[in-house]
Amino acid sequence: MSESPAMLDRRAAIARIGASVALASTAPGRAFSFQEVDRPMTWFALATRASPDGPRPTIKVGDAFHDLHAAAAAHGFAAVAGDVTAIIRDWEARREGLFGLARALAGVSGSALATPRLLTPFEPRRIFGAASNFIEHAAEMQTKLAAKADSEPYIFLKTVESVVGPDETVVVPPQVSRPDWEVELGVVLGRAGKNVAVGEAHDLIAGYTIVNDVSARDRTRRTDFPFSHDWFRGKSFDTFTPLGPVFVPRDCLGDPHDIRLGLSVNEASMQDGNTSEMIFNIYEQIAYLSTILELRAGDVIASGTPAGVGMGRGVFLKDGDVMRAWVEGIGELTNPVSAPHLPQGAA
């Protein structure tokens, strides 16, 4: 079968930068279905839900949610219970017990909760972001990439205070006129590490979540200093990091470099890519970061976004818009937008 011009262009781009990544298919994408994901073992996720008594840790096995404390006590796994932030920061000690609890809950419906209102699943210790880590996204942003052999990942920080959970509103401040979206696979670390080899980076990963790296495109550039970019100002406004809806353990997701992810605005598809398109894969990002500082359990790496952001389309978020980010094997993360100073979006 002959290759399309688009595929040939993509191969040439990857060859130029020397990226050792798999190519995603250029065939039209089929509709995303959470049920279609291959789950290599008893799939489960951890979440935090709202309750009259405050936030409660929750475990989801299949499609059923259970109170984590109650389920753990009922099935002899009380030692693994706790709030999700504490669990992730103590992942090595609790991992096996949680998988045991998930097996015990598989198929159990009697203790299942009605559809809970989910909150931010956990509090990240730090949030790192990988910039221009998909070739086609770099192209739409007009970013000139050096050959991979001559470069390293470009990593920035987002503040923990910018995190919001499922269904929480992204509030665009009045000084921002071009707010944008970026769906990313959030890599959650469960072990500390310094100077980690690429081949050992997998062992640091506890699991994954969804990150929407909301960005103020008009605030990432500056002309009043000799430094042309200001990533802190453009990325860390309050509410600019939707995260969730759940935390999925590493071994429940399979190969992190073959995961489909996307984002829609008002049900119109904007992004639909695959983590196989990354320039620097997740293990390379972990290894690189660990040469700078000691990574810690609870750190999150937003590992890059595929093409389809508003900047590349010349379209930006408006007041009343609704973003729906999704990652196969994890779920969907929906957030409305409030920007009264901008034109009205969704009705």
C-alpha atoms as a PDB file:
ATOM      1  CA  MET A   1       0.000   0.000   0.000  1.00  0.00           C
ATOM      2  CA  SER A   2       1.411   3.394  -0.953  1.00  0.00           C
ATOM      3  CA  GLU A   3       1.819   5.989   1.759  1.00  0.00           C
ATOM      4  CA  SER A   4      -0.140   9.228   1.747  1.00  0.00           C
ATOM      5  CA  PRO A   5       1.684  12.574   1.423  1.00  0.00           C
ATOM      6  CA  ALA A   6       0.756  13.302   5.039  1.00  0.00           C
ATOM      7  CA  MET A   7       2.421  10.112   6.229  1.00  0.00           C
ATOM      8  CA  LEU A   8       5.512  10.779   4.124  1.00  0.00           C
ATOM      9  CA  ASP A   9       5.745  14.295   5.565  1.00  0.00           C
ATOM     10  CA  ARG A  10       5.451  12.895   9.098  1.00  0.00           C
ATOM     11  CA  ARG A  11       8.183  10.307   8.437  1.00  0.00           C
ATOM     12  CA  ALA A  12      10.471  13.009   7.080  1.00  0.00           C
ATOM     13  CA  ALA A  13       9.842  15.227  10.112  1.00  0.00           C
ATOM     14  CA  ILE A  14      10.623  12.425  12.531  1.00  0.00           C
ATOM     15  CA  ALA A  15      13.739  11.470  10.619  1.00  0.00           C
ATOM     16  CA  ARG A  16      14.994  15.058  10.723  1.00  0.00           C
ATOM     17  CA  ILE A  17      14.873  15.261  14.501  1.00  0.00           C
ATOM     18  CA  GLY A  18      15.891  11.642  15.066  1.00  0.00           C
ATOM     19  CA  ALA A  19      12.899  10.767  17.230  1.00  0.00           C
ATOM     20  CA  SER A  20      12.781   7.076  18.094  1.00  0.00           C
ATOM     21  CA  VAL A  21       9.027   6.968  18.370  1.00  0.00           C
ATOM     22  CA  ALA A  22       6.334   4.915  16.704  1.00  0.00           C
ATOM     23  CA  LEU A  23       4.154   6.543  14.090  1.00  0.00           C
ATOM     24  CA  ALA A  24       0.466   6.919  14.769  1.00  0.00           C
ATOM     25  CA  SER A  25      -1.888   5.852  12.018  1.00  0.00           C
ATOM     26  CA  THR A  26      -3.113   8.560   9.670  1.00  0.00           C
ATOM     27  CA  ALA A  27      -6.385   6.757   9.110  1.00  0.00           C
ATOM     28  CA  PRO A  28      -9.457   8.604  10.380  1.00  0.00           C
ATOM     29  CA  GLY A  29      -9.829   7.977  14.122  1.00  0.00           C
ATOM     30  CA  ARG A  30     -12.773   5.932  15.321  1.00  0.00           C
ATOM     31  CA  ALA A  31     -14.877   7.201  18.188  1.00  0.00           C
ATOM     32  CA  PHE A  32     -13.274   6.788  21.585  1.00  0.00           C
ATOM     33  CA  SER A  33     -14.770   4.067  23.762  1.00  0.00           C
ATOM     34  CA  PHE A  34     -13.622   3.557  27.326  1.00  0.00           C
ATOM     35  CA  GLN A  35     -14.835  -0.051  27.206  1.00  0.00           C
ATOM     36  CA  GLU A  36     -12.565  -0.886  24.271  1.00  0.00           C
ATOM     37  CA  VAL A  37      -9.343  -0.476  26.253  1.00  0.00           C
ATOM     38  CA  ASP A  38      -7.447  -3.706  26.857  1.00  0.00           C
ATOM     39  CA  ARG A  39      -6.946  -4.113  30.601  1.00  0.00           C
ATOM     40  CA  PRO A  40      -4.074  -6.456  31.416  1.00  0.00           C
ATOM     41  CA  MET A  41      -5.322  -7.210  34.986  1.00  0.00           C
ATOM     42  CA  THR A  42      -8.095  -6.226  37.383  1.00  0.00           C
ATOM     43  CA  TRP A  43      -8.451  -2.605  36.388  1.00  0.00           C
ATOM     44  CA  PHE A  44      -8.996  -0.139  39.175  1.00  0.00           C
ATOM     45  CA  ALA A  45      -8.592   3.547  39.886  1.00  0.00           C
ATOM     46  CA  LEU A  46      -8.401   5.752  42.942  1.00  0.00           C
ATOM     47  CA  ALA A  47     -10.471   8.897  43.290  1.00  0.00           C
ATOM     48  CA  THR A  48     -11.623  11.422  45.846  1.00  0.00           C
ATOM     49  CA  ARG A  49     -15.320  12.166  46.123  1.00  0.00           C
ATOM     50  CA  ALA A  50     -17.371  14.803  47.882  1.00  0.00           C
ATOM     51  CA  SER A  51     -19.403  13.677  50.903  1.00  0.00           C
ATOM     52  CA  PRO A  52     -21.332  15.397  53.707  1.00  0.00           C
ATOM     53  CA  ASP A  53     -18.323  14.679  55.930  1.00  0.00           C
ATOM     54  CA  GLY A  54     -15.797  16.120  53.509  1.00  0.00           C
ATOM     55  CA  PRO A  55     -13.594  14.531  50.829  1.00  0.00           C
ATOM     56  CA  ARG A  56     -13.548  10.714  50.912  1.00  0.00           C
ATOM     57  CA  PRO A  57     -11.058   8.352  49.237  1.00  0.00           C
ATOM     58  CA  THR A  58     -12.746   6.094  46.739  1.00  0.00           C
ATOM     59  CA  ILE A  59     -11.769   3.061  44.693  1.00  0.00           C
ATOM     60  CA  LYS A  60     -13.266   2.327  41.297  1.00  0.00           C
ATOM     61  CA  VAL A  61     -13.177  -1.273  40.068  1.00  0.00           C
ATOM     62  CA  GLY A  62     -14.637  -1.686  36.617  1.00  0.00           C
ATOM     63  CA  ASP A  63     -17.543   0.739  36.554  1.00  0.00           C
ATOM     64  CA  ALA A  64     -18.347   0.543  40.285  1.00  0.00           C
ATOM     65  CA  PHE A  65     -17.200   3.070  42.876  1.00  0.00           C
ATOM     66  CA  HIS A  66     -16.663   1.971  46.506  1.00  0.00           C
ATOM     67  CA  ASP A  67     -15.723   3.887  49.625  1.00  0.00           C
ATOM     68  CA  LEU A  68     -12.064   2.981  50.083  1.00  0.00           C
ATOM     69  CA  HIS A  69     -12.070   2.835  53.881  1.00  0.00           C
ATOM     70  CA  ALA A  70     -15.237   0.736  54.072  1.00  0.00           C
ATOM     71  CA  ALA A  71     -14.188  -1.635  51.298  1.00  0.00           C
ATOM     72  CA  ALA A  72     -10.682  -2.107  52.689  1.00  0.00           C
ATOM     73  CA  ALA A  73     -12.029  -2.866  56.159  1.00  0.00           C
ATOM     74  CA  ALA A  74     -14.647  -5.297  54.833  1.00  0.00           C
ATOM     75  CA  HIS A  75     -12.142  -7.315  52.812  1.00  0.00           C
ATOM     76  CA  GLY A  76      -9.181  -7.366  55.172  1.00  0.00           C
ATOM     77  CA  PHE A  77      -7.069  -4.656  53.562  1.00  0.00           C
ATOM     78  CA  ALA A  78      -7.509  -1.872  56.134  1.00  0.00           C
ATOM     79  CA  ALA A  79      -3.778  -1.088  56.106  1.00  0.00           C
ATOM     80  CA  VAL A  80      -3.900   0.229  52.531  1.00  0.00           C
ATOM     81  CA  ALA A  81      -6.645   2.784  53.153  1.00  0.00           C
ATOM     82  CA  GLY A  82      -5.991   6.496  53.465  1.00  0.00           C
ATOM     83  CA  ASP A  83      -6.443   9.634  51.453  1.00  0.00           C
ATOM     84  CA  VAL A  84      -5.234   9.273  47.891  1.00  0.00           C
ATOM     85  CA  THR A  85      -2.414  11.806  48.270  1.00  0.00           C
ATOM     86  CA  ALA A  86      -0.951   9.798  51.168  1.00  0.00           C
ATOM     87  CA  ILE A  87      -1.368   6.531  49.254  1.00  0.00           C
ATOM     88  CA  ILE A  88       0.545   7.804  46.230  1.00  0.00           C
ATOM     89  CA  ARG A  89       3.354   9.163  48.400  1.00  0.00           C
ATOM     90  CA  ASP A  90       3.568   5.740  50.066  1.00  0.00           C
ATOM     91  CA  TRP A  91       2.894   3.782  46.877  1.00  0.00           C
ATOM     92  CA  GLU A  92       5.533   1.090  47.217  1.00  0.00           C
ATOM     93  CA  ALA A  93       4.173  -0.007  50.594  1.00  0.00           C
ATOM     94  CA  ARG A  94       0.494  -0.003  49.564  1.00  0.00           C
ATOM     95  CA  ARG A  95       0.547  -1.109  45.946  1.00  0.00           C
ATOM     96  CA  GLU A  96       0.153  -4.868  46.412  1.00  0.00           C
ATOM     97  CA  GLY A  97      -2.596  -4.483  48.995  1.00  0.00           C
ATOM     98  CA  LEU A  98      -4.565  -2.225  46.685  1.00  0.00           C
ATOM     99  CA  PHE A  99      -4.348  -4.726  43.852  1.00  0.00           C
ATOM    100  CA  GLY A 100      -5.550  -7.396  46.272  1.00  0.00           C
ATOM    101  CA  LEU A 101      -8.487  -5.225  47.272  1.00  0.00           C
ATOM    102  CA  ALA A 102      -9.326  -4.595  43.613  1.00  0.00           C
ATOM    103  CA  ARG A 103      -9.429  -8.347  42.949  1.00  0.00           C
ATOM    104  CA  ALA A 104     -11.701  -8.815  45.949  1.00  0.00           C
ATOM    105  CA  LEU A 105     -14.059  -6.101  44.690  1.00  0.00           C
ATOM    106  CA  ALA A 106     -14.214  -7.307  41.081  1.00  0.00           C
ATOM    107  CA  GLY A 107     -17.841  -7.989  40.280  1.00  0.00           C
ATOM    108  CA  VAL A 108     -19.067  -6.765  43.680  1.00  0.00           C
ATOM    109  CA  SER A 109     -22.036  -4.407  43.409  1.00  0.00           C
ATOM    110  CA  GLY A 110     -23.627  -4.536  46.866  1.00  0.00           C
ATOM    111  CA  SER A 111     -21.307  -1.917  48.355  1.00  0.00           C
ATOM    112  CA  ALA A 112     -21.151   0.237  45.223  1.00  0.00           C
ATOM    113  CA  LEU A 113     -21.861   3.941  45.562  1.00  0.00           C
ATOM    114  CA  ALA A 114     -24.309   5.909  43.493  1.00  0.00           C
ATOM    115  CA  THR A 115     -22.528   8.046  40.911  1.00  0.00           C
ATOM    116  CA  PRO A 116     -20.259  10.179  43.117  1.00  0.00           C
ATOM    117  CA  ARG A 117     -19.243  13.783  42.606  1.00  0.00           C
ATOM    118  CA  LEU A 118     -15.516  13.514  42.047  1.00  0.00           C
ATOM    119  CA  LEU A 119     -12.974  16.045  43.279  1.00  0.00           C
ATOM    120  CA  THR A 120      -9.294  16.449  42.418  1.00  0.00           C
ATOM    121  CA  PRO A 121      -8.086  12.873  43.001  1.00  0.00           C
ATOM    122  CA  PHE A 122      -4.881  13.847  44.850  1.00  0.00           C
ATOM    123  CA  GLU A 123      -2.575  16.784  45.494  1.00  0.00           C
ATOM    124  CA  PRO A 124       0.556  16.664  43.340  1.00  0.00           C
ATOM    125  CA  ARG A 125       3.840  17.345  45.102  1.00  0.00           C
ATOM    126  CA  ARG A 126       5.148  19.209  42.031  1.00  0.00           C
ATOM    127  CA  ILE A 127       3.955  19.527  38.437  1.00  0.00           C
ATOM    128  CA  PHE A 128       6.438  19.371  35.573  1.00  0.00           C
ATOM    129  CA  GLY A 129       5.391  19.960  31.966  1.00  0.00           C
ATOM    130  CA  ALA A 130       7.044  18.860  28.730  1.00  0.00           C
ATOM    131  CA  ALA A 131       6.934  21.556  26.035  1.00  0.00           C
ATOM    132  CA  SER A 132       6.675  20.894  22.278  1.00  0.00           C
ATOM    133  CA  ASN A 133       7.019  17.146  22.754  1.00  0.00           C
ATOM    134  CA  PHE A 134       4.859  16.115  19.779  1.00  0.00           C
ATOM    135  CA  ILE A 135       6.222  16.914  16.320  1.00  0.00           C
ATOM    136  CA  GLU A 136       2.960  18.110  14.817  1.00  0.00           C
ATOM    137  CA  HIS A 137       2.184  20.240  17.876  1.00  0.00           C
ATOM    138  CA  ALA A 138       5.628  21.832  17.583  1.00  0.00           C
ATOM    139  CA  ALA A 139       4.885  22.540  13.927  1.00  0.00           C
ATOM    140  CA  GLU A 140       1.528  24.183  14.646  1.00  0.00           C
ATOM    141  CA  MET A 141       3.237  26.349  17.284  1.00  0.00           C
ATOM    142  CA  GLN A 142       5.955  27.244  14.733  1.00  0.00           C
ATOM    143  CA  THR A 143       8.601  25.836  17.067  1.00  0.00           C
ATOM    144  CA  LYS A 144      11.903  25.014  15.359  1.00  0.00           C
ATOM    145  CA  LEU A 145      13.244  21.769  16.777  1.00  0.00           C
ATOM    146  CA  ALA A 146      16.873  20.737  16.803  1.00  0.00           C
ATOM    147  CA  ALA A 147      17.802  17.159  16.025  1.00  0.00           C
ATOM    148  CA  LYS A 148      16.884  14.968  18.963  1.00  0.00           C
ATOM    149  CA  ALA A 149      20.494  13.840  19.308  1.00  0.00           C
ATOM    150  CA  ASP A 150      21.479  17.470  19.853  1.00  0.00           C
ATOM    151  CA  SER A 151      18.763  18.407  22.333  1.00  0.00           C
ATOM    152  CA  GLU A 152      17.113  17.528  25.625  1.00  0.00           C
ATOM    153  CA  PRO A 153      13.513  17.699  26.829  1.00  0.00           C
ATOM    154  CA  TYR A 154      12.219  21.217  27.512  1.00  0.00           C
ATOM    155  CA  ILE A 155      10.579  21.055  30.938  1.00  0.00           C
ATOM    156  CA  PHE A 156       8.725  23.797  32.806  1.00  0.00           C
ATOM    157  CA  LEU A 157       6.926  23.952  36.161  1.00  0.00           C
ATOM    158  CA  LYS A 158       3.269  24.592  36.907  1.00  0.00           C
ATOM    159  CA  THR A 159       2.151  25.552  40.390  1.00  0.00           C
ATOM    160  CA  VAL A 160       0.220  23.090  42.520  1.00  0.00           C
ATOM    161  CA  GLU A 161      -2.124  25.962  43.350  1.00  0.00           C
ATOM    162  CA  SER A 162      -3.295  26.033  39.715  1.00  0.00           C
ATOM    163  CA  VAL A 163      -4.898  22.563  40.025  1.00  0.00           C
ATOM    164  CA  VAL A 164      -8.657  22.081  39.821  1.00  0.00           C
ATOM    165  CA  GLY A 165     -10.659  18.885  39.615  1.00  0.00           C
ATOM    166  CA  PRO A 166     -13.433  17.442  37.446  1.00  0.00           C
ATOM    167  CA  ASP A 167     -16.265  19.828  36.572  1.00  0.00           C
ATOM    168  CA  GLU A 168     -14.540  22.734  38.323  1.00  0.00           C
ATOM    169  CA  THR A 169     -14.512  26.001  36.424  1.00  0.00           C
ATOM    170  CA  VAL A 170     -11.408  27.309  34.686  1.00  0.00           C
ATOM    171  CA  VAL A 171     -11.470  31.036  35.446  1.00  0.00           C
ATOM    172  CA  VAL A 172      -9.700  33.148  32.857  1.00  0.00           C
ATOM    173  CA  PRO A 173      -8.371  36.385  34.419  1.00  0.00           C
ATOM    174  CA  PRO A 174      -9.163  39.681  32.680  1.00  0.00           C
ATOM    175  CA  GLN A 175      -5.578  40.208  31.490  1.00  0.00           C
ATOM    176  CA  VAL A 176      -5.727  37.004  29.406  1.00  0.00           C
ATOM    177  CA  SER A 177      -7.264  37.233  25.927  1.00  0.00           C
ATOM    178  CA  ARG A 178      -6.080  33.997  24.286  1.00  0.00           C
ATOM    179  CA  PRO A 179      -6.678  31.065  26.653  1.00  0.00           C
ATOM    180  CA  ASP A 180      -5.940  27.668  25.142  1.00  0.00           C
ATOM    181  CA  TRP A 181      -6.219  23.950  25.919  1.00  0.00           C
ATOM    182  CA  GLU A 182      -3.708  21.068  25.959  1.00  0.00           C
ATOM    183  CA  VAL A 183      -4.669  17.494  26.836  1.00  0.00           C
ATOM    184  CA  GLU A 184      -1.768  15.513  28.318  1.00  0.00           C
ATOM    185  CA  LEU A 185      -1.089  12.150  29.901  1.00  0.00           C
ATOM    186  CA  GLY A 186      -0.140  12.930  33.485  1.00  0.00           C
ATOM    187  CA  VAL A 187       2.594  10.613  34.771  1.00  0.00           C
ATOM    188  CA  VAL A 188       2.391  10.186  38.553  1.00  0.00           C
ATOM    189  CA  LEU A 189       5.559   9.100  40.332  1.00  0.00           C
ATOM    190  CA  GLY A 190       5.460   6.694  43.258  1.00  0.00           C
ATOM    191  CA  ARG A 191       9.147   6.452  44.125  1.00  0.00           C
ATOM    192  CA  ALA A 192      12.029   8.875  44.610  1.00  0.00           C
ATOM    193  CA  GLY A 193      14.934   8.863  42.185  1.00  0.00           C
ATOM    194  CA  LYS A 194      18.081  10.786  41.277  1.00  0.00           C
ATOM    195  CA  ASN A 195      20.190  10.247  38.145  1.00  0.00           C
ATOM    196  CA  VAL A 196      17.829   7.511  36.988  1.00  0.00           C
ATOM    197  CA  ALA A 197      18.759   5.565  33.874  1.00  0.00           C
ATOM    198  CA  VAL A 198      16.210   5.540  31.048  1.00  0.00           C
ATOM    199  CA  GLY A 199      15.922   1.775  31.394  1.00  0.00           C
ATOM    200  CA  GLU A 200      14.990   2.091  35.068  1.00  0.00           C
ATOM    201  CA  ALA A 201      12.577   5.027  34.810  1.00  0.00           C
ATOM    202  CA  HIS A 202       9.528   2.773  34.450  1.00  0.00           C
ATOM    203  CA  ASP A 203      10.016   1.635  38.051  1.00  0.00           C
ATOM    204  CA  LEU A 204       9.443   5.177  39.385  1.00  0.00           C
ATOM    205  CA  ILE A 205       5.944   5.401  37.925  1.00  0.00           C
ATOM    206  CA  ALA A 206       2.982   4.785  40.221  1.00  0.00           C
ATOM    207  CA  GLY A 207       0.317   5.520  37.646  1.00  0.00           C
ATOM    208  CA  TYR A 208      -1.384   8.039  35.436  1.00  0.00           C
ATOM    209  CA  THR A 209      -4.058  10.720  35.305  1.00  0.00           C
ATOM    210  CA  ILE A 210      -5.307  13.335  32.843  1.00  0.00           C
ATOM    211  CA  VAL A 211      -3.875  16.848  32.809  1.00  0.00           C
ATOM    212  CA  ASN A 212      -5.289  19.765  30.827  1.00  0.00           C
ATOM    213  CA  ASP A 213      -2.445  22.260  30.578  1.00  0.00           C
ATOM    214  CA  VAL A 214      -4.528  25.403  30.087  1.00  0.00           C
ATOM    215  CA  SER A 215      -2.291  28.118  28.685  1.00  0.00           C
ATOM    216  CA  ALA A 216      -2.535  31.887  28.236  1.00  0.00           C
ATOM    217  CA  ARG A 217      -0.893  32.216  24.827  1.00  0.00           C
ATOM    218  CA  ASP A 218      -0.806  36.007  24.980  1.00  0.00           C
ATOM    219  CA  ARG A 219       0.978  35.921  28.354  1.00  0.00           C
ATOM    220  CA  THR A 220       3.784  33.472  27.509  1.00  0.00           C
ATOM    221  CA  ARG A 221       5.590  36.076  25.379  1.00  0.00           C
ATOM    222  CA  ARG A 222       7.221  39.294  26.646  1.00  0.00           C
ATOM    223  CA  THR A 223       8.689  42.352  24.981  1.00  0.00           C
ATOM    224  CA  ASP A 224       9.628  44.312  28.114  1.00  0.00           C
ATOM    225  CA  PHE A 225      12.634  42.075  28.901  1.00  0.00           C
ATOM    226  CA  PRO A 226      15.367  40.559  26.753  1.00  0.00           C
ATOM    227  CA  PHE A 227      13.877  37.164  27.642  1.00  0.00           C
ATOM    228  CA  SER A 228      11.187  36.488  25.051  1.00  0.00           C
ATOM    229  CA  HIS A 229       9.199  33.798  26.905  1.00  0.00           C
ATOM    230  CA  ASP A 230       7.539  33.761  30.321  1.00  0.00           C
ATOM    231  CA  TRP A 231       6.258  30.223  30.877  1.00  0.00           C
ATOM    232  CA  PHE A 232       5.423  30.841  34.528  1.00  0.00           C
ATOM    233  CA  ARG A 233       3.081  33.689  33.698  1.00  0.00           C
ATOM    234  CA  GLY A 234       1.435  31.846  30.834  1.00  0.00           C
ATOM    235  CA  LYS A 235       0.898  28.506  32.555  1.00  0.00           C
ATOM    236  CA  SER A 236       0.239  28.997  36.265  1.00  0.00           C
ATOM    237  CA  PHE A 237      -2.813  31.182  36.683  1.00  0.00           C
ATOM    238  CA  ASP A 238      -5.198  29.841  39.305  1.00  0.00           C
ATOM    239  CA  THR A 239      -7.423  27.044  37.881  1.00  0.00           C
ATOM    240  CA  PHE A 240      -5.169  26.554  34.818  1.00  0.00           C
ATOM    241  CA  THR A 241      -4.371  22.893  35.569  1.00  0.00           C
ATOM    242  CA  PRO A 242      -7.456  20.686  35.527  1.00  0.00           C
ATOM    243  CA  LEU A 243      -6.396  17.224  36.753  1.00  0.00           C
ATOM    244  CA  GLY A 244      -8.300  13.965  37.177  1.00  0.00           C
ATOM    245  CA  PRO A 245     -10.834  12.493  37.255  1.00  0.00           C
ATOM    246  CA  VAL A 246      -9.009   9.488  38.732  1.00  0.00           C
ATOM    247  CA  PHE A 247      -5.562   8.020  39.317  1.00  0.00           C
ATOM    248  CA  VAL A 248      -4.974   4.742  37.425  1.00  0.00           C
ATOM    249  CA  PRO A 249      -2.079   2.502  38.539  1.00  0.00           C
ATOM    250  CA  ARG A 250       0.718   1.942  36.054  1.00  0.00           C
ATOM    251  CA  ASP A 251       0.098  -1.767  35.564  1.00  0.00           C
ATOM    252  CA  CYS A 252      -3.582  -1.192  34.758  1.00  0.00           C
ATOM    253  CA  LEU A 253      -2.804   0.941  31.718  1.00  0.00           C
ATOM    254  CA  GLY A 254      -0.233  -1.095  29.824  1.00  0.00           C
ATOM    255  CA  ASP A 255       2.231   0.537  27.436  1.00  0.00           C
ATOM    256  CA  PRO A 256       2.216   4.300  28.171  1.00  0.00           C
ATOM    257  CA  HIS A 257       3.597   4.965  24.699  1.00  0.00           C
ATOM    258  CA  ASP A 258       0.561   3.649  22.828  1.00  0.00           C
ATOM    259  CA  ILE A 259      -2.343   5.510  24.396  1.00  0.00           C
ATOM    260  CA  ARG A 260      -4.902   7.548  22.526  1.00  0.00           C
ATOM    261  CA  LEU A 261      -5.803  10.944  23.973  1.00  0.00           C
ATOM    262  CA  GLY A 262      -7.834  13.914  22.861  1.00  0.00           C
ATOM    263  CA  LEU A 263      -9.896  16.953  23.747  1.00  0.00           C
ATOM    264  CA  SER A 264     -13.104  18.543  22.562  1.00  0.00           C
ATOM    265  CA  VAL A 265     -14.538  22.021  23.088  1.00  0.00           C
ATOM    266  CA  ASN A 266     -18.338  22.155  23.154  1.00  0.00           C
ATOM    267  CA  GLU A 267     -18.330  18.584  21.745  1.00  0.00           C
ATOM    268  CA  ALA A 268     -16.262  19.623  18.706  1.00  0.00           C
ATOM    269  CA  SER A 269     -13.113  17.509  18.489  1.00  0.00           C
ATOM    270  CA  MET A 270      -9.941  19.581  18.680  1.00  0.00           C
ATOM    271  CA  GLN A 271      -7.220  17.070  19.581  1.00  0.00           C
ATOM    272  CA  ASP A 272      -6.978  13.363  18.827  1.00  0.00           C
ATOM    273  CA  GLY A 273      -3.490  11.912  19.101  1.00  0.00           C
ATOM    274  CA  ASN A 274      -1.444   9.081  20.508  1.00  0.00           C
ATOM    275  CA  THR A 275       1.419   9.026  23.000  1.00  0.00           C
ATOM    276  CA  SER A 276       3.407   7.045  20.416  1.00  0.00           C
ATOM    277  CA  GLU A 277       3.974  10.398  18.713  1.00  0.00           C
ATOM    278  CA  MET A 278       6.116  11.788  21.556  1.00  0.00           C
ATOM    279  CA  ILE A 279       9.595  13.025  20.701  1.00  0.00           C
ATOM    280  CA  PHE A 280      11.047  12.334  24.158  1.00  0.00           C
ATOM    281  CA  ASN A 281       9.230   9.401  25.672  1.00  0.00           C
ATOM    282  CA  ILE A 282       8.128   9.267  29.287  1.00  0.00           C
ATOM    283  CA  TYR A 283      11.178   7.328  30.454  1.00  0.00           C
ATOM    284  CA  GLU A 284      13.511   9.834  28.798  1.00  0.00           C
ATOM    285  CA  GLN A 285      11.674  12.688  30.479  1.00  0.00           C
ATOM    286  CA  ILE A 286      12.006  11.043  33.891  1.00  0.00           C
ATOM    287  CA  ALA A 287      15.695  10.324  33.360  1.00  0.00           C
ATOM    288  CA  TYR A 288      16.369  13.899  32.234  1.00  0.00           C
ATOM    289  CA  LEU A 289      14.525  15.484  35.152  1.00  0.00           C
ATOM    290  CA  SER A 290      16.343  13.254  37.620  1.00  0.00           C
ATOM    291  CA  THR A 291      19.682  14.698  36.504  1.00  0.00           C
ATOM    292  CA  ILE A 292      18.494  18.118  37.731  1.00  0.00           C
ATOM    293  CA  LEU A 293      16.783  17.274  41.006  1.00  0.00           C
ATOM    294  CA  GLU A 294      15.664  14.302  43.025  1.00  0.00           C
ATOM    295  CA  LEU A 295      12.242  13.235  41.879  1.00  0.00           C
ATOM    296  CA  ARG A 296       9.764  12.432  44.633  1.00  0.00           C
ATOM    297  CA  ALA A 297       6.694  10.252  45.057  1.00  0.00           C
ATOM    298  CA  GLY A 298       3.692  12.414  44.223  1.00  0.00           C
ATOM    299  CA  ASP A 299       5.417  14.386  41.463  1.00  0.00           C
ATOM    300  CA  VAL A 300       3.407  14.683  38.237  1.00  0.00           C
ATOM    301  CA  ILE A 301       4.819  15.048  34.739  1.00  0.00           C
ATOM    302  CA  ALA A 302       2.457  16.402  32.078  1.00  0.00           C
ATOM    303  CA  SER A 303       4.180  14.581  29.265  1.00  0.00           C
ATOM    304  CA  GLY A 304       3.234  16.667  26.237  1.00  0.00           C
ATOM    305  CA  THR A 305       0.243  17.436  24.040  1.00  0.00           C
ATOM    306  CA  PRO A 306      -0.651  16.390  20.489  1.00  0.00           C
ATOM    307  CA  ALA A 307      -1.598  18.745  17.682  1.00  0.00           C
ATOM    308  CA  GLY A 308      -4.928  20.542  17.648  1.00  0.00           C
ATOM    309  CA  VAL A 309      -4.531  23.317  20.210  1.00  0.00           C
ATOM    310  CA  GLY A 310      -6.280  26.630  19.718  1.00  0.00           C
ATOM    311  CA  MET A 311      -3.089  28.508  18.917  1.00  0.00           C
ATOM    312  CA  GLY A 312      -2.563  26.370  15.842  1.00  0.00           C
ATOM    313  CA  ARG A 313      -6.179  26.848  14.767  1.00  0.00           C
ATOM    314  CA  GLY A 314      -6.432  30.559  15.566  1.00  0.00           C
ATOM    315  CA  VAL A 315      -9.329  29.743  17.905  1.00  0.00           C
ATOM    316  CA  PHE A 316      -9.295  30.327  21.652  1.00  0.00           C
ATOM    317  CA  LEU A 317     -11.511  29.565  24.609  1.00  0.00           C
ATOM    318  CA  LYS A 318     -14.555  31.751  25.181  1.00  0.00           C
ATOM    319  CA  ASP A 319     -16.859  32.439  28.070  1.00  0.00           C
ATOM    320  CA  GLY A 320     -19.129  29.452  28.691  1.00  0.00           C
ATOM    321  CA  ASP A 321     -17.090  26.937  26.686  1.00  0.00           C
ATOM    322  CA  VAL A 322     -16.826  23.387  27.991  1.00  0.00           C
ATOM    323  CA  MET A 323     -13.600  21.397  27.566  1.00  0.00           C
ATOM    324  CA  ARG A 324     -13.666  17.598  27.659  1.00  0.00           C
ATOM    325  CA  ALA A 325     -10.230  15.985  27.818  1.00  0.00           C
ATOM    326  CA  TRP A 326      -9.972  12.207  27.552  1.00  0.00           C
ATOM    327  CA  VAL A 327      -7.296   9.549  27.748  1.00  0.00           C
ATOM    328  CA  GLU A 328      -8.127   5.943  26.930  1.00  0.00           C
ATOM    329  CA  GLY A 329      -7.874   3.692  29.938  1.00  0.00           C
ATOM    330  CA  ILE A 330      -8.403   6.607  32.342  1.00  0.00           C
ATOM    331  CA  GLY A 331     -11.632   8.370  31.409  1.00  0.00           C
ATOM    332  CA  GLU A 332     -12.798  11.928  30.797  1.00  0.00           C
ATOM    333  CA  LEU A 333     -12.056  15.253  32.470  1.00  0.00           C
ATOM    334  CA  THR A 334     -14.638  17.961  31.878  1.00  0.00           C
ATOM    335  CA  ASN A 335     -14.248  21.621  32.842  1.00  0.00           C
ATOM    336  CA  PRO A 336     -16.346  24.676  31.972  1.00  0.00           C
ATOM    337  CA  VAL A 337     -14.731  28.040  31.260  1.00  0.00           C
ATOM    338  CA  SER A 338     -15.588  31.392  32.813  1.00  0.00           C
ATOM    339  CA  ALA A 339     -14.252  34.422  30.945  1.00  0.00           C
ATOM    340  CA  PRO A 340     -16.798  37.260  31.189  1.00  0.00           C
ATOM    341  CA  HIS A 341     -14.437  39.659  29.417  1.00  0.00           C
ATOM    342  CA  LEU A 342     -14.293  37.427  26.334  1.00  0.00           C
ATOM    343  CA  PRO A 343     -16.963  36.692  23.707  1.00  0.00           C
ATOM    344  CA  GLN A 344     -19.681  34.199  24.597  1.00  0.00           C
ATOM    345  CA  GLY A 345     -18.972  30.608  23.594  1.00  0.00           C
ATOM    346  CA  ALA A 346     -21.279  27.674  24.275  1.00  0.00           C
ATOM    347  CA  ALA A 347     -24.917  28.527  24.871  1.00  0.00           C
END
